[in-house]
């Protein structure tokens, strides 16, 4: 079937990223299968290796694409970290597969020396922006800027990390109320 489709490298890459996103979100890096990704993308395995080199590099491309998209959206404002946390919460709500990808990334790539460049660069830029906001008195100096970022991200992603037993305990909290609680918690965290 792939041979009946026009040869368009960008379209093929887009289909591969979409198929890989679903596969990695469900199975993680180790459990993902290149043949399933290729079939879902209406491509062949050789194209995956040609474009990305390895399954791990394909995962990095998927996860890095989320980071680049988030960065391009301009969601991060060190002068308003509470609302930034709200926007990150919205991103995770709109793309629940992102929480799963981040979890697999932490589980399977933790402790390895290589990092995803787009994420590392974005984090450094955020830390510098927080440092600048601290210098101007907008953000607390009680914590180093990297700790402010880490704690804020932990508060935002914490909802997705809770065990299933919390579903009954938190059933009365709507998505909107969880977002508001997150914004309020970050506001208390970063207030000078």
N, C-alpha and C. Protein backbone atom coordinates (compact mmCIF):
# COMPACT_ATOMS: atom_id res chain seq x y z
N UNK A 1 0.82 -1.19 0.00
CA UNK A 1 0.00 0.00 0.00
C UNK A 1 0.86 1.26 0.00
N UNK A 2 2.01 1.23 0.71
CA UNK A 2 2.87 2.40 0.78
C UNK A 2 3.36 2.81 -0.61
N UNK A 3 3.53 1.85 -1.51
CA UNK A 3 4.03 2.19 -2.83
C UNK A 3 2.99 2.94 -3.66
N UNK A 4 1.71 2.88 -3.31
CA UNK A 4 0.67 3.59 -4.02
C UNK A 4 0.58 5.06 -3.62
N UNK A 5 1.20 5.41 -2.51
CA UNK A 5 1.17 6.78 -2.02
C UNK A 5 2.26 7.60 -2.68
N UNK A 6 2.00 8.88 -2.91
CA UNK A 6 3.07 9.72 -3.48
C UNK A 6 4.25 9.79 -2.52
N UNK A 7 5.42 9.95 -3.07
CA UNK A 7 6.62 10.03 -2.25
C UNK A 7 6.80 11.46 -1.78
N UNK A 8 6.50 11.69 -0.54
CA UNK A 8 6.62 13.01 0.05
C UNK A 8 7.26 12.80 1.42
N UNK A 9 8.54 13.17 1.52
CA UNK A 9 9.30 12.90 2.74
C UNK A 9 8.68 13.57 3.96
N UNK A 10 8.20 14.80 3.81
CA UNK A 10 7.61 15.50 4.95
C UNK A 10 6.33 14.80 5.42
N UNK A 11 5.50 14.38 4.48
CA UNK A 11 4.26 13.67 4.84
C UNK A 11 4.59 12.34 5.50
N UNK A 12 5.59 11.66 4.98
CA UNK A 12 5.99 10.38 5.58
C UNK A 12 6.50 10.59 7.00
N UNK A 13 7.34 11.59 7.19
CA UNK A 13 7.84 11.89 8.55
C UNK A 13 6.69 12.23 9.50
N UNK A 14 5.74 13.00 9.02
CA UNK A 14 4.59 13.37 9.86
C UNK A 14 3.79 12.13 10.25
N UNK A 15 3.57 11.22 9.30
CA UNK A 15 2.85 9.98 9.62
C UNK A 15 3.65 9.13 10.59
N UNK A 16 4.97 9.08 10.40
CA UNK A 16 5.81 8.30 11.31
C UNK A 16 5.77 8.88 12.73
N UNK A 17 5.83 10.19 12.85
CA UNK A 17 5.78 10.83 14.17
C UNK A 17 4.43 10.55 14.83
N UNK A 18 3.34 10.66 14.08
CA UNK A 18 2.00 10.41 14.64
C UNK A 18 1.88 8.94 15.10
N UNK A 19 2.31 8.03 14.25
CA UNK A 19 2.22 6.61 14.60
C UNK A 19 3.14 6.28 15.77
N UNK A 20 4.33 6.85 15.78
CA UNK A 20 5.28 6.60 16.86
C UNK A 20 4.78 7.18 18.18
N UNK A 21 4.12 8.33 18.12
CA UNK A 21 3.56 8.92 19.33
C UNK A 21 2.59 7.96 19.99
N UNK A 22 1.67 7.42 19.21
CA UNK A 22 0.69 6.48 19.76
C UNK A 22 1.38 5.21 20.28
N UNK A 23 2.31 4.70 19.53
CA UNK A 23 3.01 3.46 19.92
C UNK A 23 3.84 3.66 21.20
N UNK A 24 4.62 4.72 21.25
CA UNK A 24 5.45 4.97 22.43
C UNK A 24 4.60 5.30 23.65
N UNK A 25 3.51 6.03 23.47
CA UNK A 25 2.65 6.35 24.61
C UNK A 25 2.06 5.08 25.21
N UNK A 26 1.72 4.13 24.37
CA UNK A 26 1.11 2.90 24.87
C UNK A 26 2.14 1.91 25.41
N UNK A 27 3.27 1.76 24.74
CA UNK A 27 4.19 0.67 25.07
C UNK A 27 5.53 1.12 25.63
N UNK A 28 5.84 2.39 25.61
CA UNK A 28 7.15 2.84 26.04
C UNK A 28 8.18 2.61 24.95
N UNK A 29 9.42 2.92 25.27
CA UNK A 29 10.48 2.78 24.27
C UNK A 29 10.80 1.30 24.05
N UNK A 30 11.00 0.58 25.14
CA UNK A 30 11.39 -0.83 25.02
C UNK A 30 10.27 -1.68 24.40
N UNK A 31 9.02 -1.38 24.75
CA UNK A 31 7.91 -2.19 24.26
C UNK A 31 7.41 -1.82 22.88
N UNK A 32 7.78 -0.65 22.40
CA UNK A 32 7.34 -0.21 21.07
C UNK A 32 7.98 -1.09 20.01
N UNK A 33 7.25 -1.31 18.94
CA UNK A 33 7.74 -2.13 17.84
C UNK A 33 7.79 -1.30 16.56
N UNK A 34 8.93 -1.29 15.95
CA UNK A 34 9.14 -0.53 14.72
C UNK A 34 8.20 -1.01 13.63
N UNK A 35 7.94 -2.30 13.54
CA UNK A 35 7.05 -2.80 12.50
C UNK A 35 5.62 -2.29 12.68
N UNK A 36 5.15 -2.17 13.92
CA UNK A 36 3.80 -1.62 14.16
C UNK A 36 3.76 -0.13 13.79
N UNK A 37 4.84 0.59 14.12
CA UNK A 37 4.90 2.02 13.78
C UNK A 37 4.85 2.18 12.26
N UNK A 38 5.67 1.40 11.56
CA UNK A 38 5.71 1.49 10.10
C UNK A 38 4.35 1.17 9.49
N UNK A 39 3.71 0.12 9.98
CA UNK A 39 2.40 -0.26 9.44
C UNK A 39 1.37 0.84 9.69
N UNK A 40 1.33 1.38 10.91
CA UNK A 40 0.36 2.43 11.23
C UNK A 40 0.62 3.70 10.41
N UNK A 41 1.88 3.94 10.06
CA UNK A 41 2.25 5.13 9.29
C UNK A 41 2.17 4.91 7.78
N UNK A 42 1.79 3.70 7.38
CA UNK A 42 1.77 3.35 5.96
C UNK A 42 3.14 3.62 5.33
N UNK A 43 4.16 3.16 6.04
CA UNK A 43 5.54 3.33 5.58
C UNK A 43 6.24 1.98 5.75
N UNK A 44 7.54 1.97 5.58
CA UNK A 44 8.27 0.73 5.85
C UNK A 44 9.35 1.00 6.89
N UNK A 45 9.82 -0.07 7.50
CA UNK A 45 10.80 0.06 8.58
C UNK A 45 12.08 0.76 8.10
N UNK A 46 12.44 0.52 6.88
CA UNK A 46 13.68 1.14 6.35
C UNK A 46 13.58 2.67 6.39
N UNK A 47 12.37 3.21 6.18
CA UNK A 47 12.21 4.67 6.23
C UNK A 47 12.45 5.20 7.64
N UNK A 48 12.02 4.44 8.64
CA UNK A 48 12.24 4.85 10.03
C UNK A 48 13.74 4.97 10.28
N UNK A 49 14.48 3.94 9.89
CA UNK A 49 15.92 3.96 10.12
C UNK A 49 16.62 5.01 9.24
N UNK A 50 16.08 5.22 8.05
CA UNK A 50 16.67 6.24 7.17
C UNK A 50 16.49 7.64 7.77
N UNK A 51 15.28 7.94 8.23
CA UNK A 51 15.00 9.28 8.75
C UNK A 51 15.52 9.50 10.16
N UNK A 52 15.48 8.45 11.00
CA UNK A 52 15.76 8.65 12.42
C UNK A 52 16.95 7.85 12.95
N UNK A 53 17.35 6.80 12.27
CA UNK A 53 18.54 6.05 12.67
C UNK A 53 18.28 4.92 13.63
N UNK A 54 17.36 5.10 14.58
CA UNK A 54 17.07 4.06 15.56
C UNK A 54 15.71 4.33 16.19
N UNK A 55 15.20 3.34 16.87
CA UNK A 55 13.93 3.50 17.58
C UNK A 55 14.07 4.56 18.67
N UNK A 56 15.20 4.58 19.36
CA UNK A 56 15.43 5.56 20.42
C UNK A 56 15.46 6.98 19.86
N UNK A 57 16.10 7.14 18.70
CA UNK A 57 16.15 8.46 18.06
C UNK A 57 14.77 8.89 17.58
N UNK A 58 13.94 7.93 17.17
CA UNK A 58 12.56 8.24 16.79
C UNK A 58 11.79 8.72 18.02
N UNK A 59 11.99 8.06 19.16
CA UNK A 59 11.35 8.52 20.40
C UNK A 59 11.79 9.95 20.72
N UNK A 60 13.08 10.20 20.61
CA UNK A 60 13.59 11.55 20.87
C UNK A 60 12.94 12.57 19.94
N UNK A 61 12.72 12.20 18.68
CA UNK A 61 12.07 13.10 17.74
C UNK A 61 10.63 13.37 18.15
N UNK A 62 9.93 12.33 18.61
CA UNK A 62 8.54 12.49 19.07
C UNK A 62 8.50 13.42 20.28
N UNK A 63 9.31 13.11 21.28
CA UNK A 63 9.29 13.88 22.53
C UNK A 63 9.82 15.30 22.28
N UNK A 64 10.85 15.40 21.47
CA UNK A 64 11.41 16.70 21.13
C UNK A 64 10.42 17.56 20.36
N UNK A 65 9.57 16.94 19.54
CA UNK A 65 8.56 17.69 18.79
C UNK A 65 7.56 18.34 19.74
N UNK A 66 7.19 17.64 20.81
CA UNK A 66 6.31 18.24 21.82
C UNK A 66 6.99 19.44 22.48
N UNK A 67 8.25 19.26 22.83
CA UNK A 67 8.98 20.35 23.48
C UNK A 67 9.09 21.55 22.55
N UNK A 68 9.39 21.30 21.29
CA UNK A 68 9.53 22.40 20.33
C UNK A 68 8.19 23.10 20.11
N UNK A 69 7.12 22.32 20.00
CA UNK A 69 5.79 22.89 19.82
C UNK A 69 5.40 23.76 21.01
N UNK A 70 5.69 23.27 22.21
CA UNK A 70 5.38 24.04 23.42
C UNK A 70 6.19 25.33 23.44
N UNK A 71 7.47 25.23 23.11
CA UNK A 71 8.33 26.41 23.09
C UNK A 71 7.85 27.43 22.05
N UNK A 72 7.48 26.92 20.87
CA UNK A 72 7.01 27.80 19.81
C UNK A 72 5.70 28.50 20.16
N UNK A 73 4.91 27.89 21.04
CA UNK A 73 3.61 28.48 21.40
C UNK A 73 3.77 29.68 22.32
N UNK A 74 4.97 29.87 22.87
CA UNK A 74 5.20 31.01 23.75
C UNK A 74 4.47 30.91 25.07
N UNK A 75 4.24 29.70 25.53
CA UNK A 75 3.46 29.48 26.76
C UNK A 75 4.20 29.92 28.02
N UNK A 76 5.52 29.99 27.99
CA UNK A 76 6.30 30.21 29.20
C UNK A 76 6.53 31.70 29.45
N UNK A 77 6.11 32.15 30.62
CA UNK A 77 6.29 33.55 31.01
C UNK A 77 6.79 33.55 32.45
N UNK A 78 8.07 33.81 32.63
CA UNK A 78 8.67 33.78 33.97
C UNK A 78 8.09 34.86 34.87
N UNK A 79 7.51 35.90 34.29
CA UNK A 79 6.88 36.94 35.09
C UNK A 79 5.50 36.53 35.58
N UNK A 80 4.95 35.45 35.04
CA UNK A 80 3.65 34.95 35.47
C UNK A 80 3.70 33.42 35.50
N UNK A 81 4.51 32.89 36.41
CA UNK A 81 4.66 31.44 36.51
C UNK A 81 3.37 30.72 36.90
N UNK A 82 2.50 31.31 37.74
CA UNK A 82 1.25 30.61 38.04
C UNK A 82 0.41 30.35 36.77
N UNK A 83 0.26 31.36 35.93
CA UNK A 83 -0.52 31.15 34.71
C UNK A 83 0.25 30.29 33.71
N UNK A 84 1.57 30.36 33.73
CA UNK A 84 2.37 29.44 32.92
C UNK A 84 2.06 28.01 33.32
N UNK A 85 1.99 27.76 34.62
CA UNK A 85 1.63 26.41 35.11
C UNK A 85 0.25 26.02 34.60
N UNK A 86 -0.67 26.97 34.59
CA UNK A 86 -2.01 26.69 34.05
C UNK A 86 -1.96 26.31 32.59
N UNK A 87 -1.13 27.00 31.81
CA UNK A 87 -1.01 26.67 30.39
C UNK A 87 -0.37 25.30 30.19
N UNK A 88 0.62 24.95 31.02
CA UNK A 88 1.22 23.62 30.93
C UNK A 88 0.18 22.57 31.29
N UNK A 89 -0.60 22.83 32.33
CA UNK A 89 -1.70 21.94 32.72
C UNK A 89 -2.63 21.73 31.52
N UNK A 90 -2.96 22.83 30.83
CA UNK A 90 -3.83 22.73 29.66
C UNK A 90 -3.21 21.86 28.57
N UNK A 91 -1.90 22.00 28.36
CA UNK A 91 -1.23 21.19 27.34
C UNK A 91 -1.34 19.70 27.68
N UNK A 92 -1.12 19.35 28.94
CA UNK A 92 -1.21 17.95 29.34
C UNK A 92 -2.65 17.45 29.26
N UNK A 93 -3.61 18.32 29.54
CA UNK A 93 -5.01 17.92 29.45
C UNK A 93 -5.40 17.69 27.99
N UNK A 94 -4.93 18.55 27.11
CA UNK A 94 -5.26 18.43 25.68
C UNK A 94 -4.53 17.26 25.02
N UNK A 95 -3.38 16.88 25.55
CA UNK A 95 -2.58 15.80 24.96
C UNK A 95 -2.17 14.82 26.06
N UNK A 96 -3.12 13.98 26.53
CA UNK A 96 -2.80 13.07 27.63
C UNK A 96 -1.66 12.10 27.31
N UNK A 97 -1.42 11.86 26.03
CA UNK A 97 -0.31 10.99 25.67
C UNK A 97 1.03 11.60 26.09
N UNK A 98 1.08 12.91 26.24
CA UNK A 98 2.32 13.58 26.63
C UNK A 98 2.75 13.16 28.04
N UNK A 99 1.81 13.03 28.95
CA UNK A 99 2.15 12.55 30.31
C UNK A 99 2.72 11.14 30.23
N UNK A 100 2.10 10.30 29.41
CA UNK A 100 2.59 8.92 29.27
C UNK A 100 4.00 8.91 28.65
N UNK A 101 4.22 9.72 27.62
CA UNK A 101 5.54 9.79 27.00
C UNK A 101 6.58 10.28 28.01
N UNK A 102 6.23 11.29 28.79
CA UNK A 102 7.16 11.81 29.79
C UNK A 102 7.47 10.75 30.84
N UNK A 103 6.46 9.98 31.21
CA UNK A 103 6.67 8.90 32.20
C UNK A 103 7.60 7.83 31.64
N UNK A 104 7.33 7.41 30.41
CA UNK A 104 8.21 6.41 29.79
C UNK A 104 9.63 6.95 29.66
N UNK A 105 9.75 8.22 29.30
CA UNK A 105 11.07 8.82 29.16
C UNK A 105 11.82 8.76 30.49
N UNK A 106 11.15 9.15 31.57
CA UNK A 106 11.80 9.11 32.89
C UNK A 106 12.16 7.68 33.29
N UNK A 107 11.28 6.73 33.02
CA UNK A 107 11.52 5.34 33.41
C UNK A 107 12.64 4.69 32.60
N UNK A 108 12.63 4.93 31.31
CA UNK A 108 13.53 4.18 30.43
C UNK A 108 14.82 4.91 30.06
N UNK A 109 14.86 6.20 30.23
CA UNK A 109 16.06 6.93 29.83
C UNK A 109 16.77 7.57 31.01
N UNK A 110 16.24 7.41 32.20
CA UNK A 110 16.85 8.00 33.38
C UNK A 110 18.26 7.47 33.58
N UNK A 111 19.16 8.38 33.88
CA UNK A 111 20.54 7.97 34.15
C UNK A 111 21.40 7.82 32.92
N UNK A 112 20.82 7.99 31.74
CA UNK A 112 21.63 7.88 30.53
C UNK A 112 22.22 9.24 30.20
N UNK A 113 23.44 9.26 29.69
CA UNK A 113 24.13 10.54 29.49
C UNK A 113 23.54 11.41 28.38
N UNK A 114 22.92 10.81 27.35
CA UNK A 114 22.40 11.63 26.26
C UNK A 114 21.03 12.20 26.64
N UNK A 115 20.81 13.42 26.20
CA UNK A 115 19.54 14.10 26.46
C UNK A 115 18.96 14.56 25.13
N UNK A 116 17.70 14.95 25.17
CA UNK A 116 17.06 15.49 23.99
C UNK A 116 17.41 16.98 23.94
N UNK A 117 18.13 17.37 22.93
CA UNK A 117 18.67 18.74 22.85
C UNK A 117 17.58 19.80 22.97
N UNK A 118 16.45 19.60 22.30
CA UNK A 118 15.38 20.62 22.34
C UNK A 118 14.88 20.83 23.76
N UNK A 119 14.79 19.76 24.53
CA UNK A 119 14.31 19.87 25.91
C UNK A 119 15.37 20.52 26.78
N UNK A 120 16.61 20.10 26.63
CA UNK A 120 17.70 20.67 27.43
C UNK A 120 17.82 22.18 27.17
N UNK A 121 17.76 22.57 25.91
CA UNK A 121 17.86 24.00 25.56
C UNK A 121 16.68 24.79 26.11
N UNK A 122 15.48 24.22 25.99
CA UNK A 122 14.28 24.90 26.50
C UNK A 122 14.37 25.07 28.02
N UNK A 123 14.84 24.05 28.71
CA UNK A 123 14.96 24.14 30.17
C UNK A 123 15.98 25.20 30.58
N UNK A 124 17.09 25.26 29.90
CA UNK A 124 18.09 26.29 30.21
C UNK A 124 17.54 27.70 30.00
N UNK A 125 16.78 27.87 28.92
CA UNK A 125 16.17 29.19 28.66
C UNK A 125 15.16 29.55 29.75
N UNK A 126 14.40 28.57 30.20
CA UNK A 126 13.41 28.81 31.27
C UNK A 126 14.12 29.18 32.57
N UNK A 127 15.18 28.48 32.87
CA UNK A 127 15.93 28.76 34.11
C UNK A 127 16.50 30.18 34.06
N UNK A 128 17.04 30.58 32.93
CA UNK A 128 17.57 31.94 32.80
C UNK A 128 16.46 32.98 32.94
N UNK A 129 15.29 32.69 32.37
CA UNK A 129 14.16 33.63 32.49
C UNK A 129 13.70 33.74 33.94
N UNK A 130 13.68 32.61 34.65
CA UNK A 130 13.31 32.64 36.07
C UNK A 130 14.35 33.41 36.87
N UNK A 131 15.63 33.19 36.57
CA UNK A 131 16.71 33.91 37.25
C UNK A 131 16.53 35.42 37.06
N UNK A 132 16.20 35.83 35.84
CA UNK A 132 15.98 37.24 35.55
C UNK A 132 14.78 37.77 36.35
N UNK A 133 13.71 36.99 36.40
CA UNK A 133 12.52 37.40 37.17
C UNK A 133 12.84 37.49 38.66
N UNK A 134 13.70 36.61 39.14
CA UNK A 134 14.14 36.69 40.54
C UNK A 134 14.93 37.98 40.78
N UNK A 135 15.82 38.32 39.86
CA UNK A 135 16.63 39.53 39.98
C UNK A 135 15.75 40.77 40.04
N UNK A 136 14.65 40.74 39.31
CA UNK A 136 13.74 41.88 39.28
C UNK A 136 12.71 41.84 40.41
N UNK A 137 12.77 40.81 41.27
CA UNK A 137 11.87 40.73 42.42
C UNK A 137 10.49 40.20 42.11
N UNK A 138 10.30 39.60 40.93
CA UNK A 138 8.99 39.07 40.53
C UNK A 138 8.78 37.66 41.08
N UNK A 139 9.86 36.91 41.22
CA UNK A 139 9.82 35.51 41.68
C UNK A 139 10.69 35.40 42.92
N UNK A 140 10.26 34.57 43.84
CA UNK A 140 11.00 34.35 45.08
C UNK A 140 12.46 33.94 44.82
N UNK A 141 13.32 34.33 45.74
CA UNK A 141 14.71 33.88 45.69
C UNK A 141 14.96 32.81 46.76
N UNK A 142 13.89 32.34 47.40
CA UNK A 142 14.04 31.27 48.40
C UNK A 142 14.61 30.00 47.78
N UNK A 143 14.38 29.82 46.48
CA UNK A 143 14.84 28.63 45.78
C UNK A 143 15.65 29.05 44.57
N UNK A 144 16.62 28.23 44.21
CA UNK A 144 17.38 28.44 42.98
C UNK A 144 16.41 28.35 41.80
N UNK A 145 16.70 29.03 40.70
CA UNK A 145 15.76 29.02 39.57
C UNK A 145 15.46 27.63 39.03
N UNK A 146 16.46 26.75 39.03
CA UNK A 146 16.19 25.39 38.53
C UNK A 146 15.26 24.62 39.47
N UNK A 147 15.31 24.96 40.78
CA UNK A 147 14.41 24.32 41.74
C UNK A 147 13.00 24.88 41.56
N UNK A 148 12.88 26.17 41.31
CA UNK A 148 11.56 26.75 41.03
C UNK A 148 10.92 26.04 39.84
N UNK A 149 11.69 25.87 38.77
CA UNK A 149 11.17 25.19 37.58
C UNK A 149 10.80 23.75 37.90
N UNK A 150 11.66 23.04 38.59
CA UNK A 150 11.39 21.63 38.92
C UNK A 150 10.13 21.49 39.79
N UNK A 151 10.00 22.34 40.79
CA UNK A 151 8.83 22.26 41.67
C UNK A 151 7.56 22.62 40.92
N UNK A 152 7.63 23.64 40.07
CA UNK A 152 6.45 24.02 39.28
C UNK A 152 6.01 22.88 38.37
N UNK A 153 6.96 22.26 37.68
CA UNK A 153 6.62 21.14 36.79
C UNK A 153 6.08 19.95 37.56
N UNK A 154 6.62 19.72 38.75
CA UNK A 154 6.13 18.63 39.58
C UNK A 154 4.68 18.87 39.99
N UNK A 155 4.37 20.11 40.35
CA UNK A 155 2.98 20.43 40.71
C UNK A 155 2.04 20.23 39.52
N UNK A 156 2.48 20.63 38.35
CA UNK A 156 1.62 20.52 37.16
C UNK A 156 1.42 19.06 36.77
N UNK A 157 2.49 18.30 36.72
CA UNK A 157 2.40 16.92 36.23
C UNK A 157 1.95 15.94 37.30
N UNK A 158 1.91 16.39 38.54
CA UNK A 158 1.54 15.50 39.64
C UNK A 158 0.19 14.84 39.47
N UNK A 159 -0.76 15.54 38.87
CA UNK A 159 -2.09 14.97 38.68
C UNK A 159 -2.02 13.69 37.85
N UNK A 160 -1.19 13.67 36.83
CA UNK A 160 -1.07 12.49 35.97
C UNK A 160 -0.25 11.38 36.59
N UNK A 161 0.48 11.68 37.65
CA UNK A 161 1.33 10.67 38.28
C UNK A 161 0.65 9.96 39.45
N UNK A 162 -0.54 10.41 39.80
CA UNK A 162 -1.23 9.81 40.94
C UNK A 162 -1.69 8.39 40.62
N UNK A 163 -1.65 7.49 41.60
CA UNK A 163 -2.13 6.13 41.36
C UNK A 163 -3.64 6.11 41.15
N UNK A 164 -4.16 5.08 40.52
CA UNK A 164 -5.58 5.01 40.20
C UNK A 164 -6.50 5.13 41.43
N UNK A 165 -6.00 4.76 42.59
CA UNK A 165 -6.82 4.82 43.80
C UNK A 165 -7.26 6.24 44.14
N UNK A 166 -6.58 7.23 43.59
CA UNK A 166 -6.96 8.62 43.84
C UNK A 166 -8.19 9.04 43.04
N UNK A 167 -8.59 8.25 42.06
CA UNK A 167 -9.73 8.62 41.23
C UNK A 167 -10.97 8.85 42.09
N UNK A 168 -11.24 7.98 43.03
CA UNK A 168 -12.41 8.15 43.90
C UNK A 168 -12.23 9.34 44.83
N UNK A 169 -11.02 9.54 45.33
CA UNK A 169 -10.78 10.64 46.25
C UNK A 169 -10.90 12.00 45.57
N UNK A 170 -10.54 12.06 44.31
CA UNK A 170 -10.53 13.33 43.59
C UNK A 170 -11.67 13.47 42.60
N UNK A 171 -12.61 12.55 42.65
CA UNK A 171 -13.70 12.53 41.68
C UNK A 171 -14.50 13.81 41.62
N UNK A 172 -14.61 14.53 42.73
CA UNK A 172 -15.41 15.76 42.74
C UNK A 172 -14.64 16.96 42.21
N UNK A 173 -13.35 16.80 41.95
CA UNK A 173 -12.54 17.91 41.43
C UNK A 173 -12.54 17.85 39.90
N UNK A 174 -13.13 18.84 39.30
CA UNK A 174 -13.18 18.90 37.85
C UNK A 174 -11.80 19.26 37.30
N UNK A 175 -11.65 19.15 36.01
CA UNK A 175 -10.41 19.57 35.37
C UNK A 175 -10.15 21.05 35.65
N UNK A 176 -11.20 21.85 35.57
CA UNK A 176 -11.05 23.29 35.83
C UNK A 176 -10.62 23.55 37.27
N UNK A 177 -11.18 22.82 38.23
CA UNK A 177 -10.79 23.06 39.62
C UNK A 177 -9.37 22.57 39.90
N UNK A 178 -8.95 21.47 39.26
CA UNK A 178 -7.57 21.00 39.42
C UNK A 178 -6.60 22.02 38.82
N UNK A 179 -6.99 22.61 37.69
CA UNK A 179 -6.15 23.64 37.08
C UNK A 179 -6.01 24.82 38.03
N UNK A 180 -7.13 25.27 38.59
CA UNK A 180 -7.10 26.41 39.50
C UNK A 180 -6.26 26.12 40.74
N UNK A 181 -6.37 24.91 41.28
CA UNK A 181 -5.55 24.52 42.43
C UNK A 181 -4.07 24.55 42.08
N UNK A 182 -3.74 24.10 40.89
CA UNK A 182 -2.34 24.11 40.44
C UNK A 182 -1.83 25.54 40.32
N UNK A 183 -2.61 26.41 39.73
CA UNK A 183 -2.22 27.82 39.58
C UNK A 183 -2.01 28.44 40.96
N UNK A 184 -2.92 28.18 41.90
CA UNK A 184 -2.80 28.74 43.25
C UNK A 184 -1.57 28.20 43.97
N UNK A 185 -1.31 26.91 43.81
CA UNK A 185 -0.13 26.32 44.47
C UNK A 185 1.16 26.93 43.94
N UNK A 186 1.24 27.12 42.62
CA UNK A 186 2.44 27.71 42.02
C UNK A 186 2.54 29.18 42.46
N UNK A 187 1.43 29.87 42.57
CA UNK A 187 1.47 31.25 43.02
C UNK A 187 2.07 31.34 44.43
N UNK A 188 1.67 30.45 45.30
CA UNK A 188 2.24 30.43 46.65
C UNK A 188 3.73 30.06 46.63
N UNK A 189 4.08 29.17 45.75
CA UNK A 189 5.47 28.72 45.64
C UNK A 189 6.40 29.86 45.22
N UNK A 190 5.98 30.65 44.24
CA UNK A 190 6.89 31.60 43.61
C UNK A 190 6.75 33.03 44.13
N UNK A 191 5.75 33.29 44.94
CA UNK A 191 5.57 34.67 45.42
C UNK A 191 6.78 35.12 46.22
N UNK A 192 7.26 36.35 45.91
CA UNK A 192 8.45 36.86 46.64
C UNK A 192 8.13 37.15 48.11
